[in-house]
Amino acid sequence: MEGPLSPRVAEAASLSGRLPDLVIAARKVARSVMGGVHGRRVAGAGETFWQFRPFVSGEPASRVDWRRSARGAQAFVREREWEAAQTLWIWLDRSPSMRFGSSLAEGSKLDRAIVLALALADLAVRGGERVGLLGLSRPIAARGVIERFAEILAAAENLEASPLPHAAPIFARSRLVLIGDFLSPIEDLERVFSALGSEGVIGHLLSIADPIEETFPFAGNVEFLAVSGEGRLRAPRAERWRDDYLRALADHRASLGALAARRGWDMLLHRTDASAAQALLALSARLSEPASAALDRRA
C-alpha cells in the first residue's frame, strides 16, 4: 500500500542531503547497542592474536607465552583467533516504495533501513567481521565502515534500484541480511531467495513497515498517490477497504515468513515508529546464533 508522502519526506527528497544526519543516527544507534553485542570470535588455530588467558595445569608447556608470563608470578597462554570468520553481506531495498514515510513515523522506510544497515555494519566490524554491501561493495573490515558505506550509497543514489536483490556470488555459509519492505510477489521473492541461498548462505530478513501501512487508519474519500508520482487511486469511503487490506497484508507476511523458514532463514518485522536500537539488538542476537543452529533449522 502506498499513501501520501508527508511534507517532511517530500522536502527531503535527496538521499545525499540526508546522509550526514543518517550517519550520525547510525553511530548513535550502534553505540546504544554495542554494550549488549559481542562478536563471533572464538579461540582456535590462526595467526591473529585475540587475548591472553591464565595457563591451566595439564596443558603443554609449549603453549605458555613466556614474555607475558615474566611480568608476574602467573603463567599465561596467548590465544589466537579462529580464522573462519564468516563474511556478513547486507542488502537494503532502495526502490521507490521504500521512500514512503507517513506523519506517524520519524522518517521514511529507506532512511530507517540505511540507519540500521550502517549501524549493523559498524557492530559487525567492531566484532571482528568483514562486511559488504551486496551489489555495491566488496567486504571490508575498516573501522570507518559507516562513512565508507555512506559514500557508496551516495554514489549509487541515481542508479536504478530494484526492490529485489540481484543474484551475486556469495561464499558458502556467509551471513546475509536483507533489509526492505518485501512487498514484491511471493513467487519473485522465492526465486531470488533460492538463488542467493544456493551456496548455503544463512539469511536474515528485516522487514521495514510504516505504521500507516500496518493500521490503514483512513476514512472517507481518500486519494492515494504512488511514491513514484506516476499513479493515483481514489477510494471513496476508504474505511471499507481496511479489513480486506489488513487481511491481504497478513497473508503476504505469513507467506514471506514461511518462505524464509523453508530455507532455515528467519524474519523480523520492524515499524518505523519503533526504536531503531531495539530492531538492531534483535537482529544482532540472531546474527550471534551459531551457524550450526541455522543449518539445523534448514534441515
C-alpha atoms as a PDB file:
ATOM      1  CA  MET A   1       0.000   0.000   0.000  1.00  0.00           C
ATOM      2  CA  GLU A   2       1.303   3.413  -0.924  1.00  0.00           C
ATOM      3  CA  GLY A   3      -0.224   6.506   0.598  1.00  0.00           C
ATOM      4  CA  PRO A   4       0.520  10.215   0.539  1.00  0.00           C
ATOM      5  CA  LEU A   5       4.018  11.321   1.442  1.00  0.00           C
ATOM      6  CA  SER A   6       4.377  13.508   4.492  1.00  0.00           C
ATOM      7  CA  PRO A   7       5.643  17.052   3.777  1.00  0.00           C
ATOM      8  CA  ARG A   8       8.802  16.289   5.764  1.00  0.00           C
ATOM      9  CA  VAL A   9       9.742  13.387   3.497  1.00  0.00           C
ATOM     10  CA  ALA A  10       8.731  15.179   0.301  1.00  0.00           C
ATOM     11  CA  GLU A  11      11.008  18.101   1.158  1.00  0.00           C
ATOM     12  CA  ALA A  12      13.958  15.794   1.847  1.00  0.00           C
ATOM     13  CA  ALA A  13      13.935  14.009  -1.493  1.00  0.00           C
ATOM     14  CA  SER A  14      17.711  13.859  -1.903  1.00  0.00           C
ATOM     15  CA  LEU A  15      19.439  10.952  -0.188  1.00  0.00           C
ATOM     16  CA  SER A  16      22.801  12.694  -0.392  1.00  0.00           C
ATOM     17  CA  GLY A  17      21.402  15.632   1.547  1.00  0.00           C
ATOM     18  CA  ARG A  18      20.074  13.370   4.296  1.00  0.00           C
ATOM     19  CA  LEU A  19      23.072  11.081   4.628  1.00  0.00           C
ATOM     20  CA  PRO A  20      25.046  13.187   7.137  1.00  0.00           C
ATOM     21  CA  ASP A  21      22.120  13.029   9.572  1.00  0.00           C
ATOM     22  CA  LEU A  22      21.652   9.321   8.888  1.00  0.00           C
ATOM     23  CA  VAL A  23      25.348   8.681   9.610  1.00  0.00           C
ATOM     24  CA  ILE A  24      25.015  10.447  12.968  1.00  0.00           C
ATOM     25  CA  ALA A  25      21.880   8.439  13.744  1.00  0.00           C
ATOM     26  CA  ALA A  26      23.624   5.181  12.805  1.00  0.00           C
ATOM     27  CA  ARG A  27      26.561   5.952  15.104  1.00  0.00           C
ATOM     28  CA  LYS A  28      24.173   6.713  17.951  1.00  0.00           C
ATOM     29  CA  VAL A  29      22.165   3.506  17.440  1.00  0.00           C
ATOM     30  CA  ALA A  30      25.328   1.399  17.185  1.00  0.00           C
ATOM     31  CA  ARG A  31      26.722   2.885  20.421  1.00  0.00           C
ATOM     32  CA  SER A  32      23.476   2.254  22.276  1.00  0.00           C
ATOM     33  CA  VAL A  33      23.506  -1.419  21.279  1.00  0.00           C
ATOM     34  CA  MET A  34      27.243  -2.053  21.449  1.00  0.00           C
ATOM     35  CA  GLY A  35      27.317  -2.986  25.130  1.00  0.00           C
ATOM     36  CA  GLY A  36      24.949  -5.884  24.631  1.00  0.00           C
ATOM     37  CA  VAL A  37      26.516  -7.304  21.485  1.00  0.00           C
ATOM     38  CA  HIS A  38      29.618  -9.443  21.187  1.00  0.00           C
ATOM     39  CA  GLY A  39      31.498 -10.524  18.082  1.00  0.00           C
ATOM     40  CA  ARG A  40      31.524 -14.094  16.929  1.00  0.00           C
ATOM     41  CA  ARG A  41      35.240 -14.631  17.606  1.00  0.00           C
ATOM     42  CA  VAL A  42      36.256 -17.951  19.101  1.00  0.00           C
ATOM     43  CA  ALA A  43      39.638 -19.316  20.130  1.00  0.00           C
ATOM     44  CA  GLY A  44      41.410 -21.708  17.804  1.00  0.00           C
ATOM     45  CA  ALA A  45      44.136 -22.151  15.219  1.00  0.00           C
ATOM     46  CA  GLY A  46      45.026 -18.932  13.453  1.00  0.00           C
ATOM     47  CA  GLU A  47      47.519 -16.097  13.105  1.00  0.00           C
ATOM     48  CA  THR A  48      45.632 -13.200  14.689  1.00  0.00           C
ATOM     49  CA  PHE A  49      46.195 -12.509  18.385  1.00  0.00           C
ATOM     50  CA  TRP A  50      42.977 -12.483  20.406  1.00  0.00           C
ATOM     51  CA  GLN A  51      43.737 -12.490  24.142  1.00  0.00           C
ATOM     52  CA  PHE A  52      45.914 -13.777  26.987  1.00  0.00           C
ATOM     53  CA  ARG A  53      44.445 -16.243  29.460  1.00  0.00           C
ATOM     54  CA  PRO A  54      45.904 -17.980  32.532  1.00  0.00           C
ATOM     55  CA  PHE A  55      47.770 -21.229  31.899  1.00  0.00           C
ATOM     56  CA  VAL A  56      45.799 -24.297  33.033  1.00  0.00           C
ATOM     57  CA  SER A  57      47.574 -27.222  34.697  1.00  0.00           C
ATOM     58  CA  GLY A  58      47.862 -30.147  32.279  1.00  0.00           C
ATOM     59  CA  GLU A  59      48.327 -28.055  29.128  1.00  0.00           C
ATOM     60  CA  PRO A  60      51.558 -28.435  27.125  1.00  0.00           C
ATOM     61  CA  ALA A  61      54.228 -26.068  28.411  1.00  0.00           C
ATOM     62  CA  SER A  62      54.904 -25.045  24.815  1.00  0.00           C
ATOM     63  CA  ARG A  63      51.685 -23.003  24.872  1.00  0.00           C
ATOM     64  CA  VAL A  64      52.972 -20.648  27.565  1.00  0.00           C
ATOM     65  CA  ASP A  65      53.801 -17.119  26.416  1.00  0.00           C
ATOM     66  CA  TRP A  66      56.979 -16.639  28.469  1.00  0.00           C
ATOM     67  CA  ARG A  67      57.377 -12.922  27.706  1.00  0.00           C
ATOM     68  CA  ARG A  68      53.899 -12.112  29.083  1.00  0.00           C
ATOM     69  CA  SER A  69      54.319 -14.562  31.978  1.00  0.00           C
ATOM     70  CA  ALA A  70      57.625 -12.956  33.007  1.00  0.00           C
ATOM     71  CA  ARG A  71      55.744  -9.830  34.135  1.00  0.00           C
ATOM     72  CA  GLY A  72      54.307 -11.619  37.161  1.00  0.00           C
ATOM     73  CA  ALA A  73      54.062 -14.848  39.078  1.00  0.00           C
ATOM     74  CA  GLN A  74      51.373 -16.436  36.869  1.00  0.00           C
ATOM     75  CA  ALA A  75      51.855 -18.194  33.530  1.00  0.00           C
ATOM     76  CA  PHE A  76      49.761 -17.021  30.562  1.00  0.00           C
ATOM     77  CA  VAL A  77      48.778 -18.561  27.227  1.00  0.00           C
ATOM     78  CA  ARG A  78      48.493 -16.440  24.077  1.00  0.00           C
ATOM     79  CA  GLU A  79      45.224 -17.354  22.365  1.00  0.00           C
ATOM     80  CA  ARG A  80      44.782 -16.778  18.669  1.00  0.00           C
ATOM     81  CA  GLU A  81      41.539 -16.175  16.867  1.00  0.00           C
ATOM     82  CA  TRP A  82      39.948 -18.959  14.869  1.00  0.00           C
ATOM     83  CA  GLU A  83      40.252 -17.687  11.325  1.00  0.00           C
ATOM     84  CA  ALA A  84      36.991 -18.983   9.937  1.00  0.00           C
ATOM     85  CA  ALA A  85      35.056 -15.767  10.497  1.00  0.00           C
ATOM     86  CA  GLN A  86      32.017 -15.530   8.269  1.00  0.00           C
ATOM     87  CA  THR A  87      31.574 -12.577   5.968  1.00  0.00           C
ATOM     88  CA  LEU A  88      28.421 -10.566   6.548  1.00  0.00           C
ATOM     89  CA  TRP A  89      26.619  -9.245   3.475  1.00  0.00           C
ATOM     90  CA  ILE A  90      23.971  -6.536   3.814  1.00  0.00           C
ATOM     91  CA  TRP A  91      21.432  -5.626   1.156  1.00  0.00           C
ATOM     92  CA  LEU A  92      18.924  -2.818   1.520  1.00  0.00           C
ATOM     93  CA  ASP A  93      15.962  -2.071  -0.696  1.00  0.00           C
ATOM     94  CA  ARG A  94      16.375   1.383  -2.272  1.00  0.00           C
ATOM     95  CA  SER A  95      13.366   1.106  -4.600  1.00  0.00           C
ATOM     96  CA  PRO A  96      10.588   3.772  -4.732  1.00  0.00           C
ATOM     97  CA  SER A  97       8.290   2.033  -2.219  1.00  0.00           C
ATOM     98  CA  MET A  98      10.967   2.487   0.455  1.00  0.00           C
ATOM     99  CA  ARG A  99      10.767   6.268   0.114  1.00  0.00           C
ATOM    100  CA  PHE A 100       7.351   6.247   1.775  1.00  0.00           C
ATOM    101  CA  GLY A 101       7.088   7.910   5.169  1.00  0.00           C
ATOM    102  CA  SER A 102       3.910   8.961   6.933  1.00  0.00           C
ATOM    103  CA  SER A 103       3.335  11.592   9.595  1.00  0.00           C
ATOM    104  CA  LEU A 104       3.158   8.760  12.161  1.00  0.00           C
ATOM    105  CA  ALA A 105       6.826   7.861  11.665  1.00  0.00           C
ATOM    106  CA  GLU A 106      10.132   9.606  12.263  1.00  0.00           C
ATOM    107  CA  GLY A 107      11.136   9.298   8.620  1.00  0.00           C
ATOM    108  CA  SER A 108      10.900   7.137   5.534  1.00  0.00           C
ATOM    109  CA  LYS A 109      11.371   3.396   5.403  1.00  0.00           C
ATOM    110  CA  LEU A 110      14.536   3.973   3.359  1.00  0.00           C
ATOM    111  CA  ASP A 111      16.069   6.263   5.968  1.00  0.00           C
ATOM    112  CA  ARG A 112      15.425   3.723   8.707  1.00  0.00           C
ATOM    113  CA  ALA A 113      16.845   0.911   6.545  1.00  0.00           C
ATOM    114  CA  ILE A 114      20.023   2.922   5.922  1.00  0.00           C
ATOM    115  CA  VAL A 115      20.472   3.719   9.613  1.00  0.00           C
ATOM    116  CA  LEU A 116      20.094   0.047  10.546  1.00  0.00           C
ATOM    117  CA  ALA A 117      22.385  -1.142   7.741  1.00  0.00           C
ATOM    118  CA  LEU A 118      25.156   1.307   8.685  1.00  0.00           C
ATOM    119  CA  ALA A 119      24.844   0.597  12.406  1.00  0.00           C
ATOM    120  CA  LEU A 120      24.853  -3.168  11.810  1.00  0.00           C
ATOM    121  CA  ALA A 121      27.972  -2.882   9.646  1.00  0.00           C
ATOM    122  CA  ASP A 122      29.718  -0.921  12.395  1.00  0.00           C
ATOM    123  CA  LEU A 123      28.846  -3.514  15.046  1.00  0.00           C
ATOM    124  CA  ALA A 124      29.999  -6.366  12.828  1.00  0.00           C
ATOM    125  CA  VAL A 125      33.356  -4.739  12.064  1.00  0.00           C
ATOM    126  CA  ARG A 126      33.945  -3.991  15.742  1.00  0.00           C
ATOM    127  CA  GLY A 127      33.201  -7.662  16.406  1.00  0.00           C
ATOM    128  CA  GLY A 128      35.930  -8.787  14.003  1.00  0.00           C
ATOM    129  CA  GLU A 129      33.798  -9.390  10.904  1.00  0.00           C
ATOM    130  CA  ARG A 130      34.143  -8.303   7.303  1.00  0.00           C
ATOM    131  CA  VAL A 131      31.059  -6.617   5.854  1.00  0.00           C
ATOM    132  CA  GLY A 132      29.958  -5.906   2.305  1.00  0.00           C
ATOM    133  CA  LEU A 133      27.003  -4.140   0.702  1.00  0.00           C
ATOM    134  CA  LEU A 134      25.542  -6.710  -1.672  1.00  0.00           C
ATOM    135  CA  GLY A 135      25.732  -5.417  -5.228  1.00  0.00           C
ATOM    136  CA  LEU A 136      27.574  -2.241  -4.218  1.00  0.00           C
ATOM    137  CA  SER A 137      30.832  -3.065  -2.436  1.00  0.00           C
ATOM    138  CA  ARG A 138      33.247  -5.831  -1.588  1.00  0.00           C
ATOM    139  CA  PRO A 139      33.566  -6.928   2.054  1.00  0.00           C
ATOM    140  CA  ILE A 140      35.725  -4.643   4.193  1.00  0.00           C
ATOM    141  CA  ALA A 141      36.807  -4.578   7.820  1.00  0.00           C
ATOM    142  CA  ALA A 142      37.617  -0.877   8.238  1.00  0.00           C
ATOM    143  CA  ARG A 143      36.618   0.889  11.443  1.00  0.00           C
ATOM    144  CA  GLY A 144      35.247   3.770   9.371  1.00  0.00           C
ATOM    145  CA  VAL A 145      32.756   1.450   7.704  1.00  0.00           C
ATOM    146  CA  ILE A 146      29.787   3.754   8.398  1.00  0.00           C
ATOM    147  CA  GLU A 147      31.363   6.609   6.450  1.00  0.00           C
ATOM    148  CA  ARG A 148      32.646   4.296   3.706  1.00  0.00           C
ATOM    149  CA  PHE A 149      29.236   2.737   3.147  1.00  0.00           C
ATOM    150  CA  ALA A 150      27.517   6.148   3.295  1.00  0.00           C
ATOM    151  CA  GLU A 151      29.775   7.352   0.482  1.00  0.00           C
ATOM    152  CA  ILE A 152      28.933   4.245  -1.559  1.00  0.00           C
ATOM    153  CA  LEU A 153      25.201   4.788  -1.050  1.00  0.00           C
ATOM    154  CA  ALA A 154      25.508   8.458  -2.033  1.00  0.00           C
ATOM    155  CA  ALA A 155      27.346   7.497  -5.223  1.00  0.00           C
ATOM    156  CA  ALA A 156      24.643   4.928  -6.035  1.00  0.00           C
ATOM    157  CA  GLU A 157      21.739   7.305  -5.384  1.00  0.00           C
ATOM    158  CA  ASN A 158      20.961   7.863  -9.051  1.00  0.00           C
ATOM    159  CA  LEU A 159      21.410   4.230 -10.073  1.00  0.00           C
ATOM    160  CA  GLU A 160      18.263   2.235 -10.750  1.00  0.00           C
ATOM    161  CA  ALA A 161      17.379   0.273  -7.620  1.00  0.00           C
ATOM    162  CA  SER A 162      15.425  -2.963  -7.777  1.00  0.00           C
ATOM    163  CA  PRO A 163      13.002  -3.986  -4.994  1.00  0.00           C
ATOM    164  CA  LEU A 164      14.787  -7.359  -5.020  1.00  0.00           C
ATOM    165  CA  PRO A 165      18.496  -8.158  -4.741  1.00  0.00           C
ATOM    166  CA  HIS A 166      20.242  -9.462  -7.824  1.00  0.00           C
ATOM    167  CA  ALA A 167      21.941 -12.835  -7.626  1.00  0.00           C
ATOM    168  CA  ALA A 168      25.565 -12.306  -6.648  1.00  0.00           C
ATOM    169  CA  PRO A 169      28.457 -14.645  -5.802  1.00  0.00           C
ATOM    170  CA  ILE A 170      28.446 -15.172  -2.033  1.00  0.00           C
ATOM    171  CA  PHE A 171      30.771 -17.561  -0.246  1.00  0.00           C
ATOM    172  CA  ALA A 172      29.183 -20.633   1.308  1.00  0.00           C
ATOM    173  CA  ARG A 173      27.970 -20.212   4.876  1.00  0.00           C
ATOM    174  CA  SER A 174      28.264 -16.444   4.789  1.00  0.00           C
ATOM    175  CA  ARG A 175      25.603 -14.458   6.602  1.00  0.00           C
ATOM    176  CA  LEU A 176      23.210 -12.343   4.575  1.00  0.00           C
ATOM    177  CA  VAL A 177      20.913  -9.643   5.968  1.00  0.00           C
ATOM    178  CA  LEU A 178      18.196  -8.392   3.621  1.00  0.00           C
ATOM    179  CA  ILE A 179      16.503  -5.139   4.688  1.00  0.00           C
ATOM    180  CA  GLY A 180      13.386  -3.951   2.851  1.00  0.00           C
ATOM    181  CA  ASP A 181       9.602  -3.936   2.803  1.00  0.00           C
ATOM    182  CA  PHE A 182       9.387  -7.183   0.765  1.00  0.00           C
ATOM    183  CA  LEU A 183       6.141  -6.175  -0.938  1.00  0.00           C
ATOM    184  CA  SER A 184       7.071  -7.991  -4.162  1.00  0.00           C
ATOM    185  CA  PRO A 185       5.037 -11.040  -5.218  1.00  0.00           C
ATOM    186  CA  ILE A 186       5.921 -14.144  -3.212  1.00  0.00           C
ATOM    187  CA  GLU A 187       6.933 -16.077  -6.332  1.00  0.00           C
ATOM    188  CA  ASP A 188       9.519 -13.390  -7.147  1.00  0.00           C
ATOM    189  CA  LEU A 189      10.843 -13.448  -3.592  1.00  0.00           C
ATOM    190  CA  GLU A 190      11.093 -17.234  -3.691  1.00  0.00           C
ATOM    191  CA  ARG A 191      13.115 -17.136  -6.900  1.00  0.00           C
ATOM    192  CA  VAL A 192      15.574 -14.590  -5.509  1.00  0.00           C
ATOM    193  CA  PHE A 193      15.971 -16.293  -2.127  1.00  0.00           C
ATOM    194  CA  SER A 194      16.654 -19.617  -3.828  1.00  0.00           C
ATOM    195  CA  ALA A 195      19.372 -18.061  -5.982  1.00  0.00           C
ATOM    196  CA  LEU A 196      21.022 -16.256  -3.059  1.00  0.00           C
ATOM    197  CA  GLY A 197      20.891 -19.297  -0.788  1.00  0.00           C
ATOM    198  CA  SER A 198      22.155 -21.816  -3.330  1.00  0.00           C
ATOM    199  CA  GLU A 199      25.634 -21.938  -1.767  1.00  0.00           C
ATOM    200  CA  GLY A 200      24.411 -22.464   1.786  1.00  0.00           C
ATOM    201  CA  VAL A 201      24.170 -18.781   2.680  1.00  0.00           C
ATOM    202  CA  ILE A 202      22.399 -18.167   6.002  1.00  0.00           C
ATOM    203  CA  GLY A 203      19.815 -15.426   5.594  1.00  0.00           C
ATOM    204  CA  HIS A 204      18.047 -12.986   7.883  1.00  0.00           C
ATOM    205  CA  LEU A 205      15.151 -10.796   6.727  1.00  0.00           C
ATOM    206  CA  LEU A 206      14.382  -7.451   8.348  1.00  0.00           C
ATOM    207  CA  SER A 207      11.020  -6.269   7.045  1.00  0.00           C
ATOM    208  CA  ILE A 208      10.509  -2.498   7.378  1.00  0.00           C
ATOM    209  CA  ALA A 209       6.978  -1.095   7.614  1.00  0.00           C
ATOM    210  CA  ASP A 210       5.453   2.318   8.170  1.00  0.00           C
ATOM    211  CA  PRO A 211       2.748   2.412  10.896  1.00  0.00           C
ATOM    212  CA  ILE A 212       0.148   3.613   8.385  1.00  0.00           C
ATOM    213  CA  GLU A 213       0.853   0.523   6.277  1.00  0.00           C
ATOM    214  CA  GLU A 214       0.169  -1.598   9.350  1.00  0.00           C
ATOM    215  CA  THR A 215      -3.043   0.075  10.523  1.00  0.00           C
ATOM    216  CA  PHE A 216      -4.728   1.643   7.450  1.00  0.00           C
ATOM    217  CA  PRO A 217      -6.365   4.440   9.508  1.00  0.00           C
ATOM    218  CA  PHE A 218      -8.123   6.041   6.537  1.00  0.00           C
ATOM    219  CA  ALA A 219     -11.788   7.036   6.353  1.00  0.00           C
ATOM    220  CA  GLY A 220     -13.925   9.000   3.955  1.00  0.00           C
ATOM    221  CA  ASN A 221     -12.808   9.917   0.446  1.00  0.00           C
ATOM    222  CA  VAL A 222      -9.050   9.377   0.180  1.00  0.00           C
ATOM    223  CA  GLU A 223      -6.709   9.730  -2.768  1.00  0.00           C
ATOM    224  CA  PHE A 224      -3.599   7.549  -2.642  1.00  0.00           C
ATOM    225  CA  LEU A 225      -0.546   8.720  -4.575  1.00  0.00           C
ATOM    226  CA  ALA A 226       2.219   6.397  -5.739  1.00  0.00           C
ATOM    227  CA  VAL A 227       5.614   7.278  -4.258  1.00  0.00           C
ATOM    228  CA  SER A 228       6.988   7.378  -7.790  1.00  0.00           C
ATOM    229  CA  GLY A 229       4.422  10.087  -8.598  1.00  0.00           C
ATOM    230  CA  GLU A 230       3.214   8.114 -11.627  1.00  0.00           C
ATOM    231  CA  GLY A 231      -0.104   6.848 -10.311  1.00  0.00           C
ATOM    232  CA  ARG A 232      -3.026   7.644  -8.047  1.00  0.00           C
ATOM    233  CA  LEU A 233      -6.041   5.816  -6.709  1.00  0.00           C
ATOM    234  CA  ARG A 234      -9.252   7.354  -5.356  1.00  0.00           C
ATOM    235  CA  ALA A 235     -11.005   5.415  -2.606  1.00  0.00           C
ATOM    236  CA  PRO A 236     -14.475   6.630  -1.643  1.00  0.00           C
ATOM    237  CA  ARG A 237     -15.266   5.540   1.920  1.00  0.00           C
ATOM    238  CA  ALA A 238     -11.763   4.148   2.379  1.00  0.00           C
ATOM    239  CA  GLU A 239     -12.692   2.584   5.734  1.00  0.00           C
ATOM    240  CA  ARG A 240     -14.498  -0.132   3.783  1.00  0.00           C
ATOM    241  CA  TRP A 241     -11.151  -1.258   2.391  1.00  0.00           C
ATOM    242  CA  ARG A 242      -9.495  -1.707   5.791  1.00  0.00           C
ATOM    243  CA  ASP A 243     -10.405  -5.316   6.590  1.00  0.00           C
ATOM    244  CA  ASP A 244      -9.571  -6.637   3.123  1.00  0.00           C
ATOM    245  CA  TYR A 245      -6.297  -4.717   3.072  1.00  0.00           C
ATOM    246  CA  LEU A 246      -5.167  -5.923   6.501  1.00  0.00           C
ATOM    247  CA  ARG A 247      -6.108  -9.496   5.605  1.00  0.00           C
ATOM    248  CA  ALA A 248      -4.096  -9.344   2.390  1.00  0.00           C
ATOM    249  CA  LEU A 249      -1.110  -7.878   4.241  1.00  0.00           C
ATOM    250  CA  ALA A 250      -1.265 -10.597   6.922  1.00  0.00           C
ATOM    251  CA  ASP A 251      -1.448 -13.306   4.242  1.00  0.00           C
ATOM    252  CA  HIS A 252       1.559 -11.847   2.441  1.00  0.00           C
ATOM    253  CA  ARG A 253       3.575 -11.678   5.661  1.00  0.00           C
ATOM    254  CA  ALA A 254       2.662 -15.262   6.561  1.00  0.00           C
ATOM    255  CA  SER A 255       3.794 -16.450   3.126  1.00  0.00           C
ATOM    256  CA  LEU A 256       7.028 -14.471   3.456  1.00  0.00           C
ATOM    257  CA  GLY A 257       7.744 -15.964   6.874  1.00  0.00           C
ATOM    258  CA  ALA A 258       7.022 -19.486   5.605  1.00  0.00           C
ATOM    259  CA  LEU A 259       9.283 -18.900   2.610  1.00  0.00           C
ATOM    260  CA  ALA A 260      12.138 -17.828   4.876  1.00  0.00           C
ATOM    261  CA  ALA A 261      11.550 -20.730   7.275  1.00  0.00           C
ATOM    262  CA  ARG A 262      11.787 -23.278   4.469  1.00  0.00           C
ATOM    263  CA  ARG A 263      15.327 -22.094   3.828  1.00  0.00           C
ATOM    264  CA  GLY A 264      16.222 -22.079   7.511  1.00  0.00           C
ATOM    265  CA  TRP A 265      16.224 -18.274   7.463  1.00  0.00           C
ATOM    266  CA  ASP A 266      14.467 -16.041   9.977  1.00  0.00           C
ATOM    267  CA  MET A 267      12.415 -12.869   9.672  1.00  0.00           C
ATOM    268  CA  LEU A 268      11.932  -9.822  11.890  1.00  0.00           C
ATOM    269  CA  LEU A 269       9.321  -7.091  11.442  1.00  0.00           C
ATOM    270  CA  HIS A 270      10.238  -3.510  12.334  1.00  0.00           C
ATOM    271  CA  ARG A 271       7.931  -0.472  12.278  1.00  0.00           C
ATOM    272  CA  THR A 272       9.447   2.939  11.680  1.00  0.00           C
ATOM    273  CA  ASP A 273       7.668   4.393  14.709  1.00  0.00           C
ATOM    274  CA  ALA A 274       9.560   1.944  16.962  1.00  0.00           C
ATOM    275  CA  SER A 275      13.105   2.163  18.305  1.00  0.00           C
ATOM    276  CA  ALA A 276      15.847   1.535  15.758  1.00  0.00           C
ATOM    277  CA  ALA A 277      18.108   0.328  18.568  1.00  0.00           C
ATOM    278  CA  GLN A 278      15.565  -2.307  19.528  1.00  0.00           C
ATOM    279  CA  ALA A 279      15.495  -3.644  15.963  1.00  0.00           C
ATOM    280  CA  LEU A 280      19.296  -3.657  15.764  1.00  0.00           C
ATOM    281  CA  LEU A 281      19.613  -5.510  19.057  1.00  0.00           C
ATOM    282  CA  ALA A 282      17.130  -8.180  17.935  1.00  0.00           C
ATOM    283  CA  LEU A 283      18.901  -8.589  14.599  1.00  0.00           C
ATOM    284  CA  SER A 284      22.322  -8.788  16.267  1.00  0.00           C
ATOM    285  CA  ALA A 285      21.039 -11.512  18.562  1.00  0.00           C
ATOM    286  CA  ARG A 286      20.005 -13.548  15.512  1.00  0.00           C
ATOM    287  CA  LEU A 287      23.402 -12.995  13.918  1.00  0.00           C
ATOM    288  CA  SER A 288      25.221 -14.153  17.047  1.00  0.00           C
ATOM    289  CA  GLU A 289      23.493 -17.531  16.747  1.00  0.00           C
ATOM    290  CA  PRO A 290      25.980 -20.244  15.702  1.00  0.00           C
ATOM    291  CA  ALA A 291      25.832 -21.170  12.028  1.00  0.00           C
ATOM    292  CA  SER A 292      25.176 -24.802  13.000  1.00  0.00           C
ATOM    293  CA  ALA A 293      21.873 -23.818  14.608  1.00  0.00           C
ATOM    294  CA  ALA A 294      20.702 -22.075  11.445  1.00  0.00           C
ATOM    295  CA  LEU A 295      21.680 -25.097   9.388  1.00  0.00           C
ATOM    296  CA  ASP A 296      19.732 -27.317  11.785  1.00  0.00           C
ATOM    297  CA  ARG A 297      16.629 -25.203  11.115  1.00  0.00           C
ATOM    298  CA  ARG A 298      17.103 -25.711   7.414  1.00  0.00           C
ATOM    299  CA  ALA A 299      17.347 -29.494   7.835  1.00  0.00           C
END
